[in-house]
Amino acid sequence: MHSSSAKERRALIMRLLEQNEEVQVTDLSRDTGISEVTIRKDLTILQNRNLLIRTRGGAMRRPIENQNEDTTIAKKRMFNFREKERIGEEAAKLIKDGDFIMLDSGTTTLEVARHLEKFNNLHIITNAMNIATELMNYKRFDVVLLGGNVRINSHSTVGPLALSVLRNFSRYKLFLGVDSFSIENGVSTPSLEEALLNQIMIQQADKVIAVFDSSKFNKRSFVHIADADQIDCIITDRAIPPGMSSKLKTVGIDIRIV
């Protein structure tokens, strides 16, 4: 296949994804004789066309979209991971030493937690067990994990106890994970328990910073969390839908694109 055209290569990749849920760059390169660099470029182009989802080391078949499905965090972690890393790095630029911050559960907020190495003194509240574990690696931050009922899918705590503890905190910077967002419908999620917790987080925050990749735009889930104008800032990737950036600025939202 050394002489194959780009169109033929990408068609082959799509045929393989029809037969297998996931493909690896190393396998594609070995089987086709095409360099891994070229294969990665093909996968990126196919992802930009919404034909597949990039994963670590390869790509996976794009699932049938269902915004009301409560997807597990392990599965979410495979989606758009490079974009989430860049978003997390950019979000950390909005933090200063001594800040009080709230990290909502989610794979993109986890990337915020992974980009705090330059800070020495932070006060962090989170409802995500995996984020609390990540923060423990720094060994220098004041970390509060909200108690409550454990949601297996999101590795988060919810329910009356989590809500009760959360009400003790205010005037923090909130980094909010988002399942679905649109100008018309605001932020929404498949989980009622997550929504109730997020609503209190937003009400008591000094600043609300939503961190999510561009695949979440123009979507609506089962439970409404907040209107668009309750969000102060959105950090997302450059595949944001055309015209969305200007619309966000019109409703007073600071938009940062990485």
Protein backbone atom coordinates (compact mmCIF):
# COMPACT_ATOMS: atom_id res chain seq x y z
CA MET A 1 0.00 0.00 0.00
CA HIS A 2 2.99 2.34 -0.25
CA SER A 3 1.55 3.99 -3.34
CA SER A 4 -1.99 4.29 -2.02
CA SER A 5 -3.67 7.67 -2.09
CA ALA A 6 -4.78 9.49 1.04
CA LYS A 7 -8.39 8.77 0.09
CA GLU A 8 -7.69 5.02 -0.17
CA ARG A 9 -5.84 4.96 3.15
CA ARG A 10 -8.64 6.71 5.00
CA ALA A 11 -11.27 4.49 3.40
CA LEU A 12 -9.31 1.47 4.60
CA ILE A 13 -9.16 2.86 8.13
CA MET A 14 -12.93 3.35 8.15
CA ARG A 15 -13.49 -0.20 6.85
CA LEU A 16 -11.29 -1.56 9.63
CA LEU A 17 -13.28 0.43 12.20
CA GLU A 18 -16.47 -1.12 10.87
CA GLN A 19 -14.97 -4.54 11.63
CA ASN A 20 -13.24 -3.58 14.91
CA GLU A 21 -14.29 -1.07 17.54
CA GLU A 22 -10.73 0.25 17.85
CA VAL A 23 -7.54 0.37 15.75
CA GLN A 24 -3.93 1.12 16.72
CA VAL A 25 -1.46 3.32 14.83
CA THR A 26 1.31 0.73 15.15
CA ASP A 27 -0.88 -2.02 13.69
CA LEU A 28 -2.07 0.17 10.81
CA SER A 29 1.48 1.19 10.00
CA ARG A 30 2.73 -2.42 10.07
CA ASP A 31 -0.12 -3.79 7.96
CA THR A 32 -0.09 -1.02 5.33
CA GLY A 33 3.58 -0.08 5.13
CA ILE A 34 2.64 3.55 5.74
CA SER A 35 4.58 5.56 8.34
CA GLU A 36 3.05 6.13 11.76
CA VAL A 37 3.32 9.90 11.20
CA THR A 38 1.14 9.66 8.09
CA ILE A 39 -1.35 7.35 9.81
CA ARG A 40 -1.70 9.81 12.70
CA LYS A 41 -2.37 12.65 10.24
CA ASP A 42 -5.06 10.52 8.57
CA LEU A 43 -6.69 9.79 11.94
CA THR A 44 -6.68 13.49 12.84
CA ILE A 45 -8.33 14.42 9.56
CA LEU A 46 -10.98 11.71 10.01
CA GLN A 47 -11.63 12.91 13.55
CA ASN A 48 -12.06 16.49 12.34
CA ARG A 49 -14.72 15.14 9.98
CA ASN A 50 -16.44 13.49 12.97
CA LEU A 51 -15.86 10.02 11.48
CA LEU A 52 -13.92 8.56 14.42
CA ILE A 53 -12.57 9.39 17.88
CA ARG A 54 -8.85 9.58 18.58
CA THR A 55 -7.59 7.49 21.49
CA ARG A 56 -4.18 6.97 23.03
CA GLY A 57 -2.23 5.20 20.32
CA GLY A 58 -5.02 4.95 17.77
CA ALA A 59 -8.70 5.57 17.17
CA MET A 60 -12.08 4.10 17.96
CA ARG A 61 -15.37 3.88 16.15
CA ARG A 62 -17.60 6.89 16.85
CA PRO A 63 -20.56 5.67 18.90
CA ILE A 64 -24.15 6.58 18.09
CA GLU A 65 -24.67 9.79 20.03
CA ASN A 66 -27.03 9.75 22.97
CA GLN A 67 -26.71 12.81 25.14
CA ASN A 68 -28.81 11.21 27.86
CA GLU A 69 -26.48 8.23 28.25
CA ASP A 70 -24.51 8.29 31.51
CA THR A 71 -21.17 7.28 30.02
CA THR A 72 -18.50 5.86 32.31
CA ILE A 73 -15.47 8.01 33.05
CA ALA A 74 -13.16 5.27 31.74
CA LYS A 75 -14.82 5.52 28.33
CA LYS A 76 -14.92 9.34 28.38
CA ARG A 77 -11.18 9.41 29.08
CA MET A 78 -10.50 7.93 25.63
CA PHE A 79 -12.34 10.71 23.80
CA ASN A 80 -10.36 13.77 22.58
CA PHE A 81 -7.66 13.23 25.18
CA ARG A 82 -5.11 15.59 23.57
CA GLU A 83 -7.65 18.41 23.49
CA LYS A 84 -8.47 17.81 27.15
CA GLU A 85 -4.81 17.98 28.10
CA ARG A 86 -4.43 21.36 26.39
CA ILE A 87 -7.64 22.65 27.97
CA GLY A 88 -6.41 21.59 31.41
CA GLU A 89 -3.09 23.36 30.85
CA GLU A 90 -4.85 26.56 29.75
CA ALA A 91 -7.27 26.42 32.70
CA ALA A 92 -4.36 26.29 35.15
CA LYS A 93 -3.28 29.72 33.86
CA LEU A 94 -6.38 31.20 35.52
CA ILE A 95 -5.21 30.02 38.95
CA LYS A 96 -2.96 31.93 41.36
CA ASP A 97 -1.11 30.69 44.43
CA GLY A 98 -3.36 30.92 47.46
CA ASP A 99 -6.57 30.50 45.45
CA PHE A 100 -9.61 28.59 46.64
CA ILE A 101 -10.81 26.43 43.75
CA MET A 102 -13.51 23.85 43.13
CA LEU A 103 -12.85 21.01 40.69
CA ASP A 104 -16.00 19.31 39.45
CA SER A 105 -15.82 15.66 38.43
CA GLY A 106 -14.90 14.83 34.83
CA THR A 107 -12.04 13.88 32.54
CA THR A 108 -11.24 17.47 31.55
CA THR A 109 -11.26 18.76 35.13
CA LEU A 110 -8.90 15.88 35.92
CA GLU A 111 -6.51 17.44 33.39
CA VAL A 112 -6.74 20.73 35.30
CA ALA A 113 -5.62 18.84 38.42
CA ARG A 114 -2.68 17.42 36.48
CA HIS A 115 -1.36 20.89 35.58
CA LEU A 116 -0.90 22.42 39.03
CA GLU A 117 2.80 21.62 39.52
CA LYS A 118 3.91 25.28 39.60
CA PHE A 119 1.74 26.12 42.62
CA ASN A 120 2.73 25.80 46.27
CA ASN A 121 -0.40 26.87 48.14
CA LEU A 122 -3.88 25.98 46.90
CA HIS A 123 -7.14 25.20 48.68
CA ILE A 124 -9.08 22.72 46.57
CA ILE A 125 -12.56 21.23 47.00
CA THR A 126 -13.70 18.42 44.73
CA ASN A 127 -16.46 15.83 44.49
CA ALA A 128 -14.28 13.50 42.39
CA MET A 129 -12.38 10.68 44.07
CA ASN A 130 -9.94 10.27 41.18
CA ILE A 131 -9.16 13.99 41.22
CA ALA A 132 -8.56 13.92 44.99
CA THR A 133 -6.15 11.01 44.44
CA GLU A 134 -4.34 12.98 41.72
CA LEU A 135 -4.02 16.00 44.03
CA MET A 136 -2.48 13.88 46.77
CA ASN A 137 0.59 13.44 44.56
CA TYR A 138 1.53 17.10 45.08
CA LYS A 139 1.72 16.64 48.89
CA ARG A 140 1.35 20.38 49.51
CA PHE A 141 -2.27 21.39 48.83
CA ASP A 142 -5.20 21.67 51.21
CA VAL A 143 -7.70 19.24 49.64
CA VAL A 144 -11.32 18.62 50.67
CA LEU A 145 -13.22 15.70 49.15
CA LEU A 146 -16.99 16.04 49.47
CA GLY A 147 -18.58 13.02 51.10
CA GLY A 148 -21.79 11.36 50.03
CA ASN A 149 -23.04 8.56 47.83
CA VAL A 150 -20.53 7.29 45.28
CA ARG A 151 -21.43 7.34 41.58
CA ILE A 152 -19.45 4.56 39.95
CA ASN A 153 -19.71 5.96 36.40
CA SER A 154 -18.18 9.33 37.28
CA HIS A 155 -16.03 8.41 40.33
CA SER A 156 -17.84 11.25 42.10
CA THR A 157 -19.82 11.82 45.29
CA VAL A 158 -23.41 13.07 45.19
CA GLY A 159 -26.54 13.15 47.33
CA PRO A 160 -27.67 14.93 50.53
CA LEU A 161 -24.35 14.62 52.38
CA ALA A 162 -22.35 16.04 49.47
CA LEU A 163 -24.83 18.91 49.14
CA SER A 164 -24.69 19.62 52.88
CA VAL A 165 -20.88 19.80 52.94
CA LEU A 166 -20.76 21.86 49.74
CA ARG A 167 -22.96 24.58 51.26
CA ASN A 168 -20.15 25.37 53.72
CA PHE A 169 -17.96 26.72 50.91
CA SER A 170 -18.25 29.85 48.77
CA ARG A 171 -16.25 32.47 46.87
CA TYR A 172 -14.11 29.97 44.95
CA LYS A 173 -13.14 29.57 41.31
CA LEU A 174 -15.21 26.73 39.90
CA PHE A 175 -13.84 24.58 37.10
CA LEU A 176 -16.97 22.91 35.78
CA GLY A 177 -17.03 19.73 33.72
CA VAL A 178 -19.69 19.73 31.01
CA ASP A 179 -21.56 16.93 29.24
CA SER A 180 -23.67 19.14 26.95
CA PHE A 181 -23.80 22.86 26.15
CA SER A 182 -25.76 25.17 23.88
CA ILE A 183 -26.48 28.91 23.87
CA GLU A 184 -30.22 28.24 23.98
CA ASN A 185 -30.29 25.51 26.65
CA GLY A 186 -27.14 26.21 28.66
CA VAL A 187 -25.39 23.38 30.51
CA SER A 188 -27.05 20.00 30.96
CA THR A 189 -26.22 16.45 32.06
CA PRO A 190 -27.78 12.98 32.06
CA SER A 191 -27.62 12.74 35.88
CA LEU A 192 -30.11 14.49 38.19
CA GLU A 193 -27.82 14.01 41.21
CA GLU A 194 -24.87 15.58 39.39
CA ALA A 195 -27.08 18.44 38.23
CA LEU A 196 -28.24 19.28 41.76
CA LEU A 197 -24.64 19.40 42.99
CA ASN A 198 -23.47 21.48 40.03
CA GLN A 199 -26.26 24.00 40.58
CA ILE A 200 -25.05 24.68 44.14
CA MET A 201 -21.42 24.82 42.95
CA ILE A 202 -22.36 27.53 40.45
CA GLN A 203 -24.51 29.52 42.88
CA GLN A 204 -21.70 29.80 45.44
CA ALA A 205 -18.78 30.39 43.08
CA ASP A 206 -17.05 33.73 42.50
CA LYS A 207 -16.20 32.67 38.96
CA VAL A 208 -17.50 29.78 36.84
CA ILE A 209 -15.04 28.40 34.28
CA ALA A 210 -16.45 25.63 32.09
CA VAL A 211 -13.81 23.30 30.64
CA PHE A 212 -14.89 20.99 27.84
CA ASP A 213 -13.89 19.86 24.36
CA SER A 214 -15.70 21.07 21.26
CA SER A 215 -17.74 17.87 20.83
CA LYS A 216 -20.02 19.04 23.69
CA PHE A 217 -21.32 22.11 21.83
CA ASN A 218 -24.87 22.32 20.49
CA LYS A 219 -25.95 19.34 22.59
CA ARG A 220 -28.68 18.94 25.19
CA SER A 221 -28.94 16.32 27.93
CA PHE A 222 -31.80 15.20 30.15
CA VAL A 223 -31.28 17.52 33.16
CA HIS A 224 -30.72 21.29 32.98
CA ILE A 225 -27.94 22.67 35.20
CA ALA A 226 -27.57 26.35 34.33
CA ASP A 227 -28.30 28.94 31.65
CA ALA A 228 -25.44 29.99 29.37
CA ASP A 229 -25.18 33.43 31.00
CA GLN A 230 -24.29 31.82 34.34
CA ILE A 231 -20.95 30.78 32.85
CA ASP A 232 -18.15 33.36 33.05
CA CYS A 233 -15.56 31.63 30.90
CA ILE A 234 -15.36 28.64 28.54
CA ILE A 235 -12.08 26.94 27.65
CA THR A 236 -12.33 24.62 24.67
CA ASP A 237 -10.43 23.44 21.58
CA ARG A 238 -10.16 24.94 18.10
CA ALA A 239 -12.76 22.59 16.55
CA ILE A 240 -15.45 24.80 18.11
CA PRO A 241 -18.48 25.13 15.75
CA PRO A 242 -18.31 28.04 13.27
CA GLY A 243 -19.74 31.24 14.66
CA MET A 244 -19.98 29.89 18.21
CA SER A 245 -17.15 32.04 19.54
CA SER A 246 -18.86 35.30 18.55
CA LYS A 247 -22.19 34.08 19.94
CA LEU A 248 -20.57 33.32 23.30
CA LYS A 249 -19.01 36.78 23.44
CA THR A 250 -22.42 38.30 22.67
CA VAL A 251 -23.90 36.75 25.83
CA GLY A 252 -20.90 37.91 27.89
CA ILE A 253 -18.88 34.69 28.07
CA ASP A 254 -15.08 34.90 27.87
CA ILE A 255 -13.97 32.23 25.38
CA ARG A 256 -10.48 30.74 25.32
CA ILE A 257 -9.55 28.40 22.47
CA VAL A 258 -6.54 26.07 22.59
